[in-house]
Amino acid sequence: MAEDEQRDVVKEKPRILSGGDSKFVSPRTVALYGVLTALTAAITYMTVIPFPPTRGYFNLGEAMVFFSAFTFGWRAGAICGGVGSAAADLLAGFGMFAPTTLLAKGAEGLVAGTIGRLKGGKPWAYALGIICGGACMITTYFLSEWLLLDFGLGAAIAEIPTNIAQVAIGGTVGTLLSHYVKQSMPSLGK
C-alpha cells in the first residue's frame, strides 16, 4: 500500500453501516462496541444481587447501558446494552432471562441514546432518556415475567421497584461517567 493511501486510512473516521452508500463498519467501531459489550457484561455479572420472587437479580450494569448510549449514541446503547446484559444473564446462570434482557436492555439503550443526545445532550435530554429508556426496560421485564415466564402478576409487580432503583442508580452513574469522559475527550460528544 502506498504511503499516501496509508495516511488516508489512518485519518478516516469510523463509519457505521448506515443504509446509504456506505456499506462499511470500521474495525475501530467493532472494537469499541466489543469493549463496551464486554464491560457491560462484566459489571453486570460482578454486581448480581438476587431477587427471589422472580428468580432475577439487581445489578449495576445499567450504568454501562446508559454510558454507552449517551457517549456513543443509540446504536452503541442498543447493541452493547442488549448483548452485554444478555451475556451476563447466561454467565451468571440466569439464562431464562437472556432473550428478554436482549430486548429490554437493547430497547433501553436505543431509546436513551436517541433521546439523550437531543439538542447536543442537554441535561433535560439525559433525564428524559433515562426515564423513557428505563420505562422500556421495566415494561418489557414486567410483561415477560407476568405473561411469558409465568411468575405471576404479583411477582412481576414486586420487581418494579427494584427495576426503578436500578434505572435511577445506573442512569445517574452512566450519565456522570459519560459527562466526564466527554469533557476529557470532547470529540466523543459529536
N, C-alpha and C. Protein backbone atom coordinates (compact mmCIF):
# COMPACT_ATOMS: atom_id res chain seq x y z
N MET A 1 0.85 -1.16 0.00
CA MET A 1 0.00 0.00 0.00
C MET A 1 0.91 1.24 0.00
N ALA A 2 0.57 2.23 -0.81
CA ALA A 2 1.36 3.45 -0.90
C ALA A 2 1.23 4.25 0.38
N GLU A 3 2.24 5.07 0.63
CA GLU A 3 2.26 5.86 1.87
C GLU A 3 1.07 6.80 1.95
N ASP A 4 0.66 7.42 0.83
CA ASP A 4 -0.50 8.31 0.83
C ASP A 4 -1.78 7.56 1.19
N GLU A 5 -1.93 6.34 0.68
CA GLU A 5 -3.10 5.53 0.99
C GLU A 5 -3.13 5.15 2.46
N GLN A 6 -1.95 4.86 3.04
CA GLN A 6 -1.89 4.51 4.45
C GLN A 6 -2.32 5.69 5.31
N ARG A 7 -1.88 6.91 4.96
CA ARG A 7 -2.28 8.10 5.72
C ARG A 7 -3.79 8.31 5.64
N ASP A 8 -4.38 8.08 4.45
CA ASP A 8 -5.81 8.23 4.30
C ASP A 8 -6.58 7.24 5.17
N VAL A 9 -6.09 6.02 5.26
CA VAL A 9 -6.75 5.01 6.09
C VAL A 9 -6.69 5.40 7.56
N VAL A 10 -5.56 5.92 8.01
CA VAL A 10 -5.40 6.31 9.41
C VAL A 10 -6.30 7.50 9.74
N LYS A 11 -6.44 8.46 8.83
CA LYS A 11 -7.24 9.66 9.09
C LYS A 11 -8.73 9.41 8.98
N GLU A 12 -9.12 8.31 8.36
CA GLU A 12 -10.53 8.04 8.13
C GLU A 12 -11.29 7.89 9.44
N LYS A 13 -12.42 8.60 9.54
CA LYS A 13 -13.27 8.49 10.73
C LYS A 13 -14.01 7.17 10.70
N PRO A 14 -14.35 6.62 11.89
CA PRO A 14 -15.11 5.38 11.90
C PRO A 14 -16.46 5.58 11.22
N ARG A 15 -16.84 4.65 10.38
CA ARG A 15 -18.14 4.70 9.73
C ARG A 15 -18.94 3.49 10.15
N ILE A 16 -20.23 3.71 10.28
CA ILE A 16 -21.12 2.63 10.69
C ILE A 16 -22.08 2.36 9.55
N LEU A 17 -22.45 1.11 9.38
CA LEU A 17 -23.41 0.73 8.36
C LEU A 17 -24.64 1.61 8.49
N SER A 18 -24.92 2.41 7.49
CA SER A 18 -25.99 3.39 7.61
C SER A 18 -27.12 3.19 6.62
N GLY A 19 -26.99 2.26 5.73
CA GLY A 19 -28.04 2.04 4.76
C GLY A 19 -27.89 2.95 3.55
N GLY A 20 -26.98 3.90 3.60
CA GLY A 20 -26.72 4.79 2.48
C GLY A 20 -25.73 4.14 1.55
N ASP A 21 -24.89 4.96 0.95
CA ASP A 21 -23.91 4.42 0.03
C ASP A 21 -22.75 3.75 0.75
N SER A 22 -22.59 3.99 2.05
CA SER A 22 -21.52 3.38 2.82
C SER A 22 -21.98 2.03 3.36
N LYS A 23 -21.27 0.98 3.02
CA LYS A 23 -21.61 -0.36 3.50
C LYS A 23 -20.45 -0.92 4.33
N PHE A 24 -19.88 -0.08 5.16
CA PHE A 24 -18.66 -0.44 5.86
C PHE A 24 -18.80 -0.14 7.34
N VAL A 25 -18.42 -1.08 8.16
CA VAL A 25 -18.32 -0.86 9.59
C VAL A 25 -16.84 -0.92 9.91
N SER A 26 -16.31 0.17 10.43
CA SER A 26 -14.87 0.23 10.64
C SER A 26 -14.43 -0.71 11.76
N PRO A 27 -13.21 -1.20 11.67
CA PRO A 27 -12.67 -2.04 12.75
C PRO A 27 -12.66 -1.30 14.08
N ARG A 28 -12.46 -0.01 14.05
CA ARG A 28 -12.47 0.80 15.28
C ARG A 28 -13.84 0.74 15.96
N THR A 29 -14.90 0.84 15.17
CA THR A 29 -16.25 0.77 15.72
C THR A 29 -16.55 -0.61 16.27
N VAL A 30 -16.15 -1.64 15.55
CA VAL A 30 -16.36 -3.01 16.02
C VAL A 30 -15.62 -3.23 17.34
N ALA A 31 -14.38 -2.75 17.41
CA ALA A 31 -13.59 -2.90 18.64
C ALA A 31 -14.22 -2.14 19.80
N LEU A 32 -14.67 -0.92 19.54
CA LEU A 32 -15.31 -0.11 20.58
C LEU A 32 -16.55 -0.82 21.11
N TYR A 33 -17.41 -1.30 20.21
CA TYR A 33 -18.62 -1.98 20.65
C TYR A 33 -18.29 -3.27 21.39
N GLY A 34 -17.24 -3.96 20.97
CA GLY A 34 -16.81 -5.16 21.67
C GLY A 34 -16.38 -4.87 23.09
N VAL A 35 -15.60 -3.82 23.27
CA VAL A 35 -15.14 -3.44 24.62
C VAL A 35 -16.32 -3.01 25.48
N LEU A 36 -17.21 -2.18 24.93
CA LEU A 36 -18.38 -1.73 25.70
C LEU A 36 -19.30 -2.89 26.06
N THR A 37 -19.47 -3.83 25.14
CA THR A 37 -20.29 -5.01 25.41
C THR A 37 -19.67 -5.85 26.53
N ALA A 38 -18.36 -6.05 26.46
CA ALA A 38 -17.66 -6.82 27.50
C ALA A 38 -17.74 -6.13 28.85
N LEU A 39 -17.57 -4.82 28.87
CA LEU A 39 -17.67 -4.06 30.13
C LEU A 39 -19.08 -4.15 30.72
N THR A 40 -20.08 -4.06 29.85
CA THR A 40 -21.46 -4.18 30.32
C THR A 40 -21.68 -5.56 30.94
N ALA A 41 -21.21 -6.60 30.26
CA ALA A 41 -21.37 -7.96 30.79
C ALA A 41 -20.61 -8.13 32.10
N ALA A 42 -19.39 -7.63 32.16
CA ALA A 42 -18.56 -7.80 33.36
C ALA A 42 -19.14 -7.07 34.56
N ILE A 43 -19.55 -5.83 34.37
CA ILE A 43 -20.09 -5.05 35.50
C ILE A 43 -21.41 -5.65 35.96
N THR A 44 -22.23 -6.08 35.01
CA THR A 44 -23.50 -6.73 35.38
C THR A 44 -23.23 -8.00 36.17
N TYR A 45 -22.34 -8.83 35.66
CA TYR A 45 -22.01 -10.11 36.30
C TYR A 45 -21.43 -9.92 37.70
N MET A 46 -20.58 -8.92 37.87
CA MET A 46 -19.90 -8.72 39.16
C MET A 46 -20.79 -8.09 40.22
N THR A 47 -21.95 -7.56 39.82
CA THR A 47 -22.81 -6.88 40.80
C THR A 47 -24.17 -7.55 40.95
N VAL A 48 -24.24 -8.84 40.71
CA VAL A 48 -25.51 -9.57 40.81
C VAL A 48 -25.97 -9.63 42.27
N ILE A 49 -27.20 -9.13 42.50
CA ILE A 49 -27.87 -9.25 43.81
C ILE A 49 -29.21 -9.93 43.53
N PRO A 50 -29.36 -11.21 43.88
CA PRO A 50 -30.57 -11.97 43.53
C PRO A 50 -31.86 -11.35 44.09
N PHE A 51 -32.93 -11.51 43.31
CA PHE A 51 -34.27 -11.07 43.70
C PHE A 51 -35.18 -12.30 43.67
N PRO A 52 -35.39 -12.97 44.82
CA PRO A 52 -36.08 -14.27 44.87
C PRO A 52 -37.47 -14.37 44.24
N PRO A 53 -38.35 -13.37 44.37
CA PRO A 53 -39.71 -13.57 43.82
C PRO A 53 -39.76 -13.92 42.33
N THR A 54 -38.86 -13.35 41.53
CA THR A 54 -38.87 -13.66 40.09
C THR A 54 -37.63 -14.46 39.68
N ARG A 55 -36.79 -14.80 40.61
CA ARG A 55 -35.53 -15.50 40.34
C ARG A 55 -34.62 -14.68 39.42
N GLY A 56 -34.84 -13.36 39.42
CA GLY A 56 -33.98 -12.44 38.66
C GLY A 56 -32.96 -11.81 39.59
N TYR A 57 -32.42 -10.65 39.21
CA TYR A 57 -31.42 -10.01 40.05
C TYR A 57 -31.29 -8.51 39.77
N PHE A 58 -30.84 -7.79 40.77
CA PHE A 58 -30.49 -6.38 40.67
C PHE A 58 -29.02 -6.32 40.28
N ASN A 59 -28.63 -5.31 39.50
CA ASN A 59 -27.22 -5.16 39.13
C ASN A 59 -26.91 -3.72 38.77
N LEU A 60 -25.63 -3.43 38.64
CA LEU A 60 -25.20 -2.08 38.29
C LEU A 60 -24.74 -1.96 36.83
N GLY A 61 -25.00 -2.98 36.03
CA GLY A 61 -24.65 -2.94 34.62
C GLY A 61 -25.42 -1.89 33.85
N GLU A 62 -26.52 -1.46 34.44
CA GLU A 62 -27.34 -0.40 33.85
C GLU A 62 -26.50 0.86 33.57
N ALA A 63 -25.53 1.11 34.42
CA ALA A 63 -24.67 2.28 34.23
C ALA A 63 -23.94 2.22 32.88
N MET A 64 -23.51 1.03 32.47
CA MET A 64 -22.82 0.89 31.19
C MET A 64 -23.79 1.02 30.02
N VAL A 65 -25.03 0.61 30.19
CA VAL A 65 -26.02 0.79 29.13
C VAL A 65 -26.20 2.28 28.86
N PHE A 66 -26.40 3.06 29.92
CA PHE A 66 -26.59 4.50 29.76
C PHE A 66 -25.31 5.20 29.32
N PHE A 67 -24.17 4.78 29.85
CA PHE A 67 -22.90 5.37 29.42
C PHE A 67 -22.69 5.16 27.92
N SER A 68 -22.88 3.94 27.45
CA SER A 68 -22.71 3.63 26.02
C SER A 68 -23.67 4.47 25.17
N ALA A 69 -24.93 4.54 25.60
CA ALA A 69 -25.95 5.27 24.84
C ALA A 69 -25.66 6.77 24.78
N PHE A 70 -25.30 7.35 25.92
CA PHE A 70 -25.10 8.80 25.97
C PHE A 70 -23.77 9.24 25.38
N THR A 71 -22.78 8.38 25.43
CA THR A 71 -21.46 8.74 24.93
C THR A 71 -21.31 8.43 23.44
N PHE A 72 -21.82 7.29 23.01
CA PHE A 72 -21.57 6.83 21.64
C PHE A 72 -22.82 6.70 20.79
N GLY A 73 -23.99 7.00 21.34
CA GLY A 73 -25.22 7.01 20.55
C GLY A 73 -26.09 5.78 20.70
N TRP A 74 -27.21 5.83 20.00
CA TRP A 74 -28.23 4.80 20.15
C TRP A 74 -27.77 3.43 19.70
N ARG A 75 -26.96 3.35 18.66
CA ARG A 75 -26.50 2.03 18.20
C ARG A 75 -25.67 1.34 19.29
N ALA A 76 -24.75 2.11 19.86
CA ALA A 76 -23.91 1.55 20.93
C ALA A 76 -24.77 1.16 22.12
N GLY A 77 -25.73 2.01 22.49
CA GLY A 77 -26.61 1.70 23.61
C GLY A 77 -27.41 0.44 23.38
N ALA A 78 -27.94 0.29 22.16
CA ALA A 78 -28.76 -0.87 21.85
C ALA A 78 -27.93 -2.15 21.78
N ILE A 79 -26.82 -2.10 21.06
CA ILE A 79 -26.01 -3.31 20.87
C ILE A 79 -25.30 -3.71 22.17
N CYS A 80 -24.59 -2.75 22.75
CA CYS A 80 -23.81 -3.06 23.96
C CYS A 80 -24.70 -3.35 25.15
N GLY A 81 -25.79 -2.60 25.29
CA GLY A 81 -26.72 -2.84 26.39
C GLY A 81 -27.42 -4.18 26.27
N GLY A 82 -27.95 -4.46 25.08
CA GLY A 82 -28.67 -5.71 24.89
C GLY A 82 -27.79 -6.94 24.95
N VAL A 83 -26.73 -6.95 24.14
CA VAL A 83 -25.87 -8.13 24.06
C VAL A 83 -25.06 -8.32 25.34
N GLY A 84 -24.50 -7.23 25.88
CA GLY A 84 -23.69 -7.35 27.10
C GLY A 84 -24.50 -7.83 28.29
N SER A 85 -25.70 -7.28 28.46
CA SER A 85 -26.56 -7.68 29.58
C SER A 85 -27.06 -9.11 29.42
N ALA A 86 -27.42 -9.49 28.19
CA ALA A 86 -27.87 -10.87 27.95
C ALA A 86 -26.73 -11.86 28.18
N ALA A 87 -25.52 -11.48 27.79
CA ALA A 87 -24.35 -12.35 28.04
C ALA A 87 -24.15 -12.54 29.54
N ALA A 88 -24.34 -11.48 30.31
CA ALA A 88 -24.20 -11.59 31.77
C ALA A 88 -25.25 -12.54 32.34
N ASP A 89 -26.47 -12.50 31.81
CA ASP A 89 -27.51 -13.45 32.24
C ASP A 89 -27.04 -14.88 32.04
N LEU A 90 -26.48 -15.15 30.88
CA LEU A 90 -26.00 -16.50 30.58
C LEU A 90 -24.85 -16.90 31.49
N LEU A 91 -23.91 -15.99 31.70
CA LEU A 91 -22.74 -16.28 32.54
C LEU A 91 -23.11 -16.48 34.00
N ALA A 92 -24.10 -15.73 34.47
CA ALA A 92 -24.47 -15.78 35.89
C ALA A 92 -25.49 -16.85 36.22
N GLY A 93 -25.92 -17.61 35.22
CA GLY A 93 -26.88 -18.68 35.48
C GLY A 93 -28.33 -18.25 35.43
N PHE A 94 -28.61 -17.12 34.77
CA PHE A 94 -29.97 -16.63 34.64
C PHE A 94 -30.40 -16.68 33.17
N GLY A 95 -30.05 -17.75 32.49
CA GLY A 95 -30.26 -17.89 31.06
C GLY A 95 -31.70 -17.73 30.61
N MET A 96 -32.66 -18.07 31.48
CA MET A 96 -34.06 -17.93 31.07
C MET A 96 -34.43 -16.48 30.80
N PHE A 97 -33.66 -15.54 31.37
CA PHE A 97 -33.92 -14.11 31.16
C PHE A 97 -33.20 -13.53 29.94
N ALA A 98 -32.25 -14.26 29.37
CA ALA A 98 -31.41 -13.71 28.31
C ALA A 98 -32.19 -13.15 27.12
N PRO A 99 -33.19 -13.85 26.56
CA PRO A 99 -33.93 -13.26 25.44
C PRO A 99 -34.67 -11.97 25.83
N THR A 100 -35.28 -11.98 27.01
CA THR A 100 -35.98 -10.78 27.48
C THR A 100 -34.99 -9.66 27.71
N THR A 101 -33.84 -9.98 28.30
CA THR A 101 -32.82 -8.98 28.56
C THR A 101 -32.29 -8.37 27.27
N LEU A 102 -32.06 -9.19 26.28
CA LEU A 102 -31.60 -8.69 24.98
C LEU A 102 -32.56 -7.63 24.45
N LEU A 103 -33.84 -7.92 24.52
CA LEU A 103 -34.86 -6.98 24.05
C LEU A 103 -34.99 -5.78 24.99
N ALA A 104 -35.09 -6.03 26.30
CA ALA A 104 -35.33 -4.95 27.27
C ALA A 104 -34.16 -3.96 27.32
N LYS A 105 -32.95 -4.47 27.46
CA LYS A 105 -31.79 -3.58 27.57
C LYS A 105 -31.41 -2.98 26.22
N GLY A 106 -31.66 -3.73 25.14
CA GLY A 106 -31.42 -3.17 23.82
C GLY A 106 -32.35 -1.99 23.55
N ALA A 107 -33.62 -2.15 23.87
CA ALA A 107 -34.58 -1.05 23.70
C ALA A 107 -34.24 0.12 24.61
N GLU A 108 -33.83 -0.19 25.83
CA GLU A 108 -33.46 0.86 26.78
C GLU A 108 -32.29 1.70 26.22
N GLY A 109 -31.25 1.02 25.74
CA GLY A 109 -30.11 1.73 25.19
C GLY A 109 -30.45 2.52 23.94
N LEU A 110 -31.27 1.94 23.07
CA LEU A 110 -31.69 2.62 21.84
C LEU A 110 -32.47 3.89 22.16
N VAL A 111 -33.47 3.78 23.03
CA VAL A 111 -34.31 4.93 23.37
C VAL A 111 -33.51 5.98 24.13
N ALA A 112 -32.73 5.56 25.12
CA ALA A 112 -31.94 6.51 25.90
C ALA A 112 -30.93 7.23 25.01
N GLY A 113 -30.28 6.50 24.12
CA GLY A 113 -29.29 7.10 23.24
C GLY A 113 -29.89 8.06 22.24
N THR A 114 -31.09 7.75 21.77
CA THR A 114 -31.77 8.64 20.82
C THR A 114 -32.21 9.92 21.51
N ILE A 115 -32.88 9.80 22.64
CA ILE A 115 -33.42 10.97 23.34
C ILE A 115 -32.30 11.74 24.05
N GLY A 116 -31.37 11.03 24.66
CA GLY A 116 -30.33 11.67 25.46
C GLY A 116 -29.39 12.56 24.68
N ARG A 117 -29.30 12.36 23.39
CA ARG A 117 -28.40 13.19 22.58
C ARG A 117 -29.12 14.31 21.85
N LEU A 118 -30.40 14.52 22.16
CA LEU A 118 -31.14 15.63 21.56
C LEU A 118 -30.51 16.96 21.97
N LYS A 119 -30.53 17.88 21.07
CA LYS A 119 -30.01 19.23 21.34
C LYS A 119 -28.59 19.20 21.89
N GLY A 120 -27.79 18.25 21.43
CA GLY A 120 -26.40 18.17 21.85
C GLY A 120 -26.20 17.57 23.22
N GLY A 121 -27.18 16.89 23.76
CA GLY A 121 -27.03 16.24 25.06
C GLY A 121 -27.23 17.17 26.23
N LYS A 122 -28.30 17.91 26.21
CA LYS A 122 -28.64 18.79 27.34
C LYS A 122 -29.05 17.95 28.54
N PRO A 123 -28.91 18.49 29.76
CA PRO A 123 -29.29 17.71 30.95
C PRO A 123 -30.73 17.20 30.92
N TRP A 124 -31.66 18.00 30.42
CA TRP A 124 -33.05 17.54 30.35
C TRP A 124 -33.19 16.36 29.39
N ALA A 125 -32.37 16.34 28.33
CA ALA A 125 -32.43 15.23 27.37
C ALA A 125 -31.92 13.94 28.01
N TYR A 126 -30.86 14.05 28.81
CA TYR A 126 -30.36 12.87 29.52
C TYR A 126 -31.43 12.34 30.47
N ALA A 127 -32.04 13.25 31.23
CA ALA A 127 -33.07 12.84 32.20
C ALA A 127 -34.24 12.17 31.48
N LEU A 128 -34.67 12.77 30.38
CA LEU A 128 -35.78 12.19 29.62
C LEU A 128 -35.37 10.85 29.00
N GLY A 129 -34.12 10.75 28.56
CA GLY A 129 -33.61 9.49 28.02
C GLY A 129 -33.61 8.38 29.07
N ILE A 130 -33.21 8.73 30.28
CA ILE A 130 -33.22 7.75 31.38
C ILE A 130 -34.65 7.31 31.68
N ILE A 131 -35.56 8.26 31.76
CA ILE A 131 -36.95 7.94 32.08
C ILE A 131 -37.59 7.07 31.00
N CYS A 132 -37.46 7.48 29.74
CA CYS A 132 -38.10 6.73 28.64
C CYS A 132 -37.40 5.39 28.39
N GLY A 133 -36.08 5.38 28.41
CA GLY A 133 -35.35 4.13 28.24
C GLY A 133 -35.64 3.17 29.39
N GLY A 134 -35.65 3.70 30.61
CA GLY A 134 -35.96 2.89 31.79
C GLY A 134 -37.38 2.34 31.74
N ALA A 135 -38.31 3.15 31.24
CA ALA A 135 -39.70 2.68 31.12
C ALA A 135 -39.79 1.51 30.14
N CYS A 136 -39.03 1.58 29.06
CA CYS A 136 -38.99 0.45 28.11
C CYS A 136 -38.49 -0.82 28.79
N MET A 137 -37.41 -0.70 29.54
CA MET A 137 -36.82 -1.85 30.21
C MET A 137 -37.78 -2.43 31.26
N ILE A 138 -38.32 -1.57 32.09
CA ILE A 138 -39.21 -2.00 33.18
C ILE A 138 -40.46 -2.67 32.61
N THR A 139 -41.04 -2.07 31.58
CA THR A 139 -42.25 -2.62 30.96
C THR A 139 -41.97 -3.98 30.31
N THR A 140 -40.84 -4.09 29.63
CA THR A 140 -40.50 -5.35 28.98
C THR A 140 -40.33 -6.47 29.99
N TYR A 141 -39.60 -6.20 31.08
CA TYR A 141 -39.43 -7.23 32.11
C TYR A 141 -40.76 -7.58 32.78
N PHE A 142 -41.57 -6.56 33.07
CA PHE A 142 -42.86 -6.80 33.71
C PHE A 142 -43.72 -7.73 32.86
N LEU A 143 -43.87 -7.39 31.57
CA LEU A 143 -44.71 -8.21 30.69
C LEU A 143 -44.13 -9.61 30.50
N SER A 144 -42.83 -9.71 30.37
CA SER A 144 -42.19 -11.01 30.20
C SER A 144 -42.37 -11.90 31.43
N GLU A 145 -42.13 -11.33 32.61
CA GLU A 145 -42.24 -12.11 33.85
C GLU A 145 -43.68 -12.54 34.11
N TRP A 146 -44.60 -11.68 33.76
CA TRP A 146 -46.01 -11.97 34.01
C TRP A 146 -46.58 -12.93 32.97
N LEU A 147 -46.36 -12.62 31.68
CA LEU A 147 -47.04 -13.36 30.62
C LEU A 147 -46.22 -14.50 30.00
N LEU A 148 -44.91 -14.30 29.84
CA LEU A 148 -44.10 -15.32 29.17
C LEU A 148 -43.46 -16.30 30.14
N LEU A 149 -42.84 -15.78 31.19
CA LEU A 149 -42.14 -16.64 32.13
C LEU A 149 -43.07 -17.18 33.21
N ASP A 150 -44.29 -16.65 33.27
CA ASP A 150 -45.35 -17.15 34.14
C ASP A 150 -44.97 -17.15 35.63
N PHE A 151 -44.37 -16.03 36.07
CA PHE A 151 -44.07 -15.88 37.50
C PHE A 151 -45.28 -15.38 38.28
N GLY A 152 -46.28 -14.92 37.57
CA GLY A 152 -47.48 -14.39 38.21
C GLY A 152 -47.44 -12.88 38.28
N LEU A 153 -48.61 -12.30 38.33
CA LEU A 153 -48.73 -10.85 38.36
C LEU A 153 -48.09 -10.25 39.60
N GLY A 154 -48.27 -10.90 40.75
CA GLY A 154 -47.72 -10.37 42.00
C GLY A 154 -46.20 -10.27 41.98
N ALA A 155 -45.54 -11.30 41.50
CA ALA A 155 -44.07 -11.29 41.44
C ALA A 155 -43.58 -10.28 40.43
N ALA A 156 -44.26 -10.16 39.29
CA ALA A 156 -43.87 -9.18 38.28
C ALA A 156 -44.00 -7.76 38.81
N ILE A 157 -45.07 -7.50 39.55
CA ILE A 157 -45.26 -6.18 40.16
C ILE A 157 -44.22 -5.93 41.24
N ALA A 158 -43.90 -6.97 42.02
CA ALA A 158 -42.92 -6.82 43.11
C ALA A 158 -41.54 -6.40 42.60
N GLU A 159 -41.20 -6.77 41.36
CA GLU A 159 -39.89 -6.42 40.84
C GLU A 159 -39.81 -5.00 40.30
N ILE A 160 -40.93 -4.34 40.09
CA ILE A 160 -40.93 -2.99 39.52
C ILE A 160 -40.10 -2.02 40.36
N PRO A 161 -40.27 -1.94 41.68
CA PRO A 161 -39.45 -1.00 42.46
C PRO A 161 -37.95 -1.29 42.35
N THR A 162 -37.58 -2.55 42.29
CA THR A 162 -36.17 -2.93 42.14
C THR A 162 -35.64 -2.43 40.80
N ASN A 163 -36.43 -2.61 39.75
CA ASN A 163 -36.01 -2.13 38.43
C ASN A 163 -35.96 -0.61 38.36
N ILE A 164 -36.87 0.07 39.05
CA ILE A 164 -36.84 1.54 39.09
C ILE A 164 -35.55 1.99 39.78
N ALA A 165 -35.19 1.36 40.90
CA ALA A 165 -33.95 1.71 41.60
C ALA A 165 -32.74 1.44 40.71
N GLN A 166 -32.77 0.34 39.98
CA GLN A 166 -31.66 0.00 39.08
C GLN A 166 -31.50 1.07 38.00
N VAL A 167 -32.62 1.54 37.43
CA VAL A 167 -32.57 2.59 36.40
C VAL A 167 -32.08 3.90 37.00
N ALA A 168 -32.58 4.25 38.18
CA ALA A 168 -32.18 5.52 38.80
C ALA A 168 -30.68 5.53 39.12
N ILE A 169 -30.18 4.48 39.72
CA ILE A 169 -28.76 4.41 40.07
C ILE A 169 -27.90 4.31 38.81
N GLY A 170 -28.26 3.38 37.92
CA GLY A 170 -27.49 3.20 36.69
C GLY A 170 -27.54 4.43 35.79
N GLY A 171 -28.70 5.06 35.71
CA GLY A 171 -28.82 6.27 34.90
C GLY A 171 -27.97 7.41 35.43
N THR A 172 -27.95 7.56 36.74
CA THR A 172 -27.14 8.62 37.35
C THR A 172 -25.65 8.36 37.14
N VAL A 173 -25.20 7.15 37.43
CA VAL A 173 -23.78 6.81 37.27
C VAL A 173 -23.37 6.88 35.80
N GLY A 174 -24.19 6.32 34.91
CA GLY A 174 -23.88 6.33 33.48
C GLY A 174 -23.81 7.74 32.91
N THR A 175 -24.73 8.61 33.35
CA THR A 175 -24.73 9.99 32.87
C THR A 175 -23.50 10.74 33.36
N LEU A 176 -23.18 10.59 34.63
CA LEU A 176 -21.99 11.26 35.17
C LEU A 176 -20.72 10.77 34.49
N LEU A 177 -20.61 9.48 34.31
CA LEU A 177 -19.44 8.91 33.64
C LEU A 177 -19.34 9.44 32.21
N SER A 178 -20.45 9.47 31.50
CA SER A 178 -20.47 9.97 30.13
C SER A 178 -20.06 11.45 30.10
N HIS A 179 -20.59 12.23 31.02
CA HIS A 179 -20.26 13.65 31.07
C HIS A 179 -18.76 13.87 31.26
N TYR A 180 -18.17 13.17 32.20
CA TYR A 180 -16.75 13.38 32.49
C TYR A 180 -15.84 12.81 31.39
N VAL A 181 -16.24 11.72 30.79
CA VAL A 181 -15.45 11.18 29.68
C VAL A 181 -15.51 12.12 28.49
N LYS A 182 -16.71 12.65 28.17
CA LYS A 182 -16.83 13.58 27.05
C LYS A 182 -16.14 14.90 27.34
N GLN A 183 -16.09 15.29 28.59
CA GLN A 183 -15.39 16.51 28.98
C GLN A 183 -13.89 16.36 28.75
N SER A 184 -13.36 15.20 29.05
CA SER A 184 -11.92 14.97 28.87
C SER A 184 -11.58 14.63 27.42
N MET A 185 -12.57 14.18 26.66
CA MET A 185 -12.38 13.87 25.23
C MET A 185 -13.53 14.48 24.43
N PRO A 186 -13.51 15.78 24.16
CA PRO A 186 -14.63 16.47 23.53
C PRO A 186 -15.07 15.88 22.19
N SER A 187 -14.19 15.22 21.46
CA SER A 187 -14.58 14.67 20.16
C SER A 187 -15.61 13.56 20.28
N LEU A 188 -15.76 12.95 21.47
CA LEU A 188 -16.75 11.89 21.66
C LEU A 188 -18.17 12.42 21.68
N GLY A 189 -18.35 13.66 22.05
CA GLY A 189 -19.69 14.22 22.18
C GLY A 189 -20.33 14.58 20.86
N LYS A 190 -19.61 14.39 19.76
CA LYS A 190 -20.14 14.82 18.45
C LYS A 190 -20.80 13.69 17.73
